[in-house]
C-alpha atoms as a PDB file:
ATOM      1  CA  MET A   1     -10.128  18.221  17.120  1.00  0.00           C
ATOM      2  CA  ALA A   2      -6.367  18.559  16.775  1.00  0.00           C
ATOM      3  CA  SER A   3      -4.036  15.578  16.682  1.00  0.00           C
ATOM      4  CA  SER A   4      -2.091  14.783  19.827  1.00  0.00           C
ATOM      5  CA  GLU A   5       1.657  14.850  20.113  1.00  0.00           C
ATOM      6  CA  GLU A   6       1.473  11.324  21.593  1.00  0.00           C
ATOM      7  CA  TYR A   7      -0.181  10.027  18.403  1.00  0.00           C
ATOM      8  CA  LEU A   8       2.496  11.745  16.293  1.00  0.00           C
ATOM      9  CA  LYS A   9       5.210  10.055  18.378  1.00  0.00           C
ATOM     10  CA  PHE A  10       3.476   6.680  17.949  1.00  0.00           C
ATOM     11  CA  ILE A  11       3.376   7.106  14.157  1.00  0.00           C
ATOM     12  CA  LEU A  12       7.025   8.184  14.043  1.00  0.00           C
ATOM     13  CA  GLU A  13       7.954   5.089  16.058  1.00  0.00           C
ATOM     14  CA  GLN A  14       5.992   2.881  13.658  1.00  0.00           C
ATOM     15  CA  LEU A  15       7.950   4.451  10.772  1.00  0.00           C
ATOM     16  CA  SER A  16      11.322   4.356  12.559  1.00  0.00           C
ATOM     17  CA  GLU A  17      12.792   1.815  10.123  1.00  0.00           C
ATOM     18  CA  LEU A  18      12.481   4.318   7.269  1.00  0.00           C
ATOM     19  CA  ASN A  19      15.032   7.050   6.699  1.00  0.00           C
ATOM     20  CA  GLU A  20      14.060  10.646   6.079  1.00  0.00           C
ATOM     21  CA  ILE A  21      10.617  10.730   7.702  1.00  0.00           C
ATOM     22  CA  THR A  22       9.877  14.300   8.668  1.00  0.00           C
ATOM     23  CA  TYR A  23       6.782  16.241   9.599  1.00  0.00           C
ATOM     24  CA  ARG A  24       5.522  19.767   9.868  1.00  0.00           C
ATOM     25  CA  ALA A  25       2.877  20.991  12.287  1.00  0.00           C
ATOM     26  CA  MET A  26       0.052  22.821  10.567  1.00  0.00           C
ATOM     27  CA  MET A  27      -3.020  24.174  12.357  1.00  0.00           C
ATOM     28  CA  GLY A  28      -3.063  21.443  15.006  1.00  0.00           C
ATOM     29  CA  GLU A  29      -2.383  18.638  12.532  1.00  0.00           C
ATOM     30  CA  TYR A  30       0.808  17.232  10.976  1.00  0.00           C
ATOM     31  CA  ILE A  31       1.911  16.942   7.360  1.00  0.00           C
ATOM     32  CA  VAL A  32       4.112  13.840   6.917  1.00  0.00           C
ATOM     33  CA  TYR A  33       7.013  13.800   4.454  1.00  0.00           C
ATOM     34  CA  TYR A  34       9.018  10.862   3.189  1.00  0.00           C
ATOM     35  CA  ARG A  35      12.337  11.695   1.568  1.00  0.00           C
ATOM     36  CA  GLY A  36      11.169  15.255   0.973  1.00  0.00           C
ATOM     37  CA  LYS A  37       7.782  14.434  -0.586  1.00  0.00           C
ATOM     38  CA  ILE A  38       4.406  14.885   1.075  1.00  0.00           C
ATOM     39  CA  ILE A  39       3.020  11.398   1.556  1.00  0.00           C
ATOM     40  CA  GLY A  40       0.059  12.224   3.774  1.00  0.00           C
ATOM     41  CA  GLY A  41      -0.706  13.562   7.179  1.00  0.00           C
ATOM     42  CA  ILE A  42      -2.059  13.061  10.655  1.00  0.00           C
ATOM     43  CA  TYR A  43      -5.547  14.505  11.003  1.00  0.00           C
ATOM     44  CA  ASP A  44      -7.692  14.061  14.119  1.00  0.00           C
ATOM     45  CA  ASN A  45      -5.370  11.261  15.273  1.00  0.00           C
ATOM     46  CA  ARG A  46      -5.731   9.382  11.976  1.00  0.00           C
ATOM     47  CA  LEU A  47      -2.901   8.670   9.536  1.00  0.00           C
ATOM     48  CA  LEU A  48      -4.136   9.401   6.016  1.00  0.00           C
ATOM     49  CA  VAL A  49      -2.097   8.953   2.838  1.00  0.00           C
ATOM     50  CA  LYS A  50      -2.547  10.061  -0.738  1.00  0.00           C
ATOM     51  CA  PRO A  51      -4.627   7.519  -2.692  1.00  0.00           C
ATOM     52  CA  THR A  52      -1.991   6.562  -5.239  1.00  0.00           C
ATOM     53  CA  LYS A  53      -2.287   3.462  -7.401  1.00  0.00           C
ATOM     54  CA  GLN A  54       0.122   1.507  -5.183  1.00  0.00           C
ATOM     55  CA  ALA A  55      -1.646   2.594  -1.981  1.00  0.00           C
ATOM     56  CA  VAL A  56      -4.965   1.307  -3.328  1.00  0.00           C
ATOM     57  CA  LEU A  57      -3.339  -1.970  -4.424  1.00  0.00           C
ATOM     58  CA  LEU A  58      -1.709  -2.528  -1.027  1.00  0.00           C
ATOM     59  CA  MET A  59      -4.816  -1.557   0.935  1.00  0.00           C
ATOM     60  CA  PRO A  60      -7.839  -2.563  -1.174  1.00  0.00           C
ATOM     61  CA  ASP A  61     -10.178  -2.439   1.840  1.00  0.00           C
ATOM     62  CA  ALA A  62      -8.988   0.942   3.144  1.00  0.00           C
ATOM     63  CA  THR A  63     -11.607   3.612   3.589  1.00  0.00           C
ATOM     64  CA  TYR A  64     -11.490   7.019   1.960  1.00  0.00           C
ATOM     65  CA  GLU A  65     -11.751   9.842   4.463  1.00  0.00           C
ATOM     66  CA  LEU A  66     -11.616  13.615   4.395  1.00  0.00           C
ATOM     67  CA  PRO A  67      -8.700  15.063   6.347  1.00  0.00           C
ATOM     68  CA  TYR A  68     -10.684  18.283   6.797  1.00  0.00           C
ATOM     69  CA  GLU A  69     -13.679  20.008   5.251  1.00  0.00           C
ATOM     70  CA  GLY A  70     -13.093  20.896   1.601  1.00  0.00           C
ATOM     71  CA  ALA A  71     -10.033  18.656   1.133  1.00  0.00           C
ATOM     72  CA  LYS A  72      -9.579  15.751  -1.261  1.00  0.00           C
ATOM     73  CA  GLU A  73     -10.249  12.288   0.103  1.00  0.00           C
ATOM     74  CA  MET A  74      -7.289  10.296   1.373  1.00  0.00           C
ATOM     75  CA  LEU A  75      -6.829   6.672   2.421  1.00  0.00           C
ATOM     76  CA  SER A  76      -6.999   5.749   6.085  1.00  0.00           C
ATOM     77  CA  VAL A  77      -4.077   3.544   7.162  1.00  0.00           C
ATOM     78  CA  ASP A  78      -3.972   0.701   9.704  1.00  0.00           C
ATOM     79  CA  VAL A  79      -1.212   2.130  11.875  1.00  0.00           C
ATOM     80  CA  ASP A  80      -0.836  -0.988  14.019  1.00  0.00           C
ATOM     81  CA  ASN A  81       0.748  -2.942  11.149  1.00  0.00           C
ATOM     82  CA  LYS A  82       4.333  -1.645  11.113  1.00  0.00           C
ATOM     83  CA  ASP A  83       5.398  -3.854   8.184  1.00  0.00           C
ATOM     84  CA  LEU A  84       2.507  -2.634   6.040  1.00  0.00           C
ATOM     85  CA  LEU A  85       3.307   0.989   6.891  1.00  0.00           C
ATOM     86  CA  ASN A  86       6.921   0.622   5.791  1.00  0.00           C
ATOM     87  CA  LYS A  87       5.973  -1.250   2.622  1.00  0.00           C
ATOM     88  CA  LEU A  88       3.255   1.321   1.889  1.00  0.00           C
ATOM     89  CA  PHE A  89       5.545   4.346   2.200  1.00  0.00           C
ATOM     90  CA  ASN A  90       8.161   2.743  -0.058  1.00  0.00           C
ATOM     91  CA  ALA A  91       5.527   1.809  -2.648  1.00  0.00           C
ATOM     92  CA  ILE A  92       3.865   5.233  -2.685  1.00  0.00           C
ATOM     93  CA  TYR A  93       7.078   7.291  -2.849  1.00  0.00           C
ATOM     94  CA  PRO A  94       7.820   6.880  -6.614  1.00  0.00           C
ATOM     95  CA  GLU A  95       4.264   7.961  -7.482  1.00  0.00           C
ATOM     96  CA  LEU A  96       4.429  11.232  -5.575  1.00  0.00           C
ATOM     97  CA  PRO A  97       5.172  14.492  -7.353  1.00  0.00           C
ATOM     98  CA  VAL A  98       8.521  16.172  -6.871  1.00  0.00           C
ATOM     99  CA  PRO A  99       8.148  19.172  -4.566  1.00  0.00           C
ATOM    100  CA  LYS A 100       8.154  22.552  -6.281  1.00  0.00           C
ATOM    101  CA  LYS A 101      11.329  24.551  -5.783  1.00  0.00           C
ATOM    102  CA  LYS A 102      11.022  27.591  -3.551  1.00  0.00           C
ATOM    103  CA  LYS A 103      11.912  30.907  -5.097  1.00  0.00           C
END
C-alpha cells in the first residue's frame, strides 16, 4: 500500500516549525530529509525514523517496524505530538551521516 499525499501533507504541517524539511517520492512512499540528511520516511502512512541513540532515548516505548520487506528496522513515531516531532528531528540530526557527494 502506498502512502497518501494527504498523510504527507499532514506530516509536513506537523514539521512546519522546522526549516529545511524536504522529501522525495520513491515508489509510492516518501523519503524525508532534514537539513539535507535522510532522517526517515513515510511508509504505508507511517512516519518511521532511523533508530539513533537520541531517537531511542526520546521514544523509549516506540516500536521497531520494517518500512518494507528486506529493509532495516526503523522507529515508529507518534505523529500527533508536534512538540515531540520537532524535538526528535533536532536531536537526531547530529547523529545522521553526512550525505555522500554526487559525482
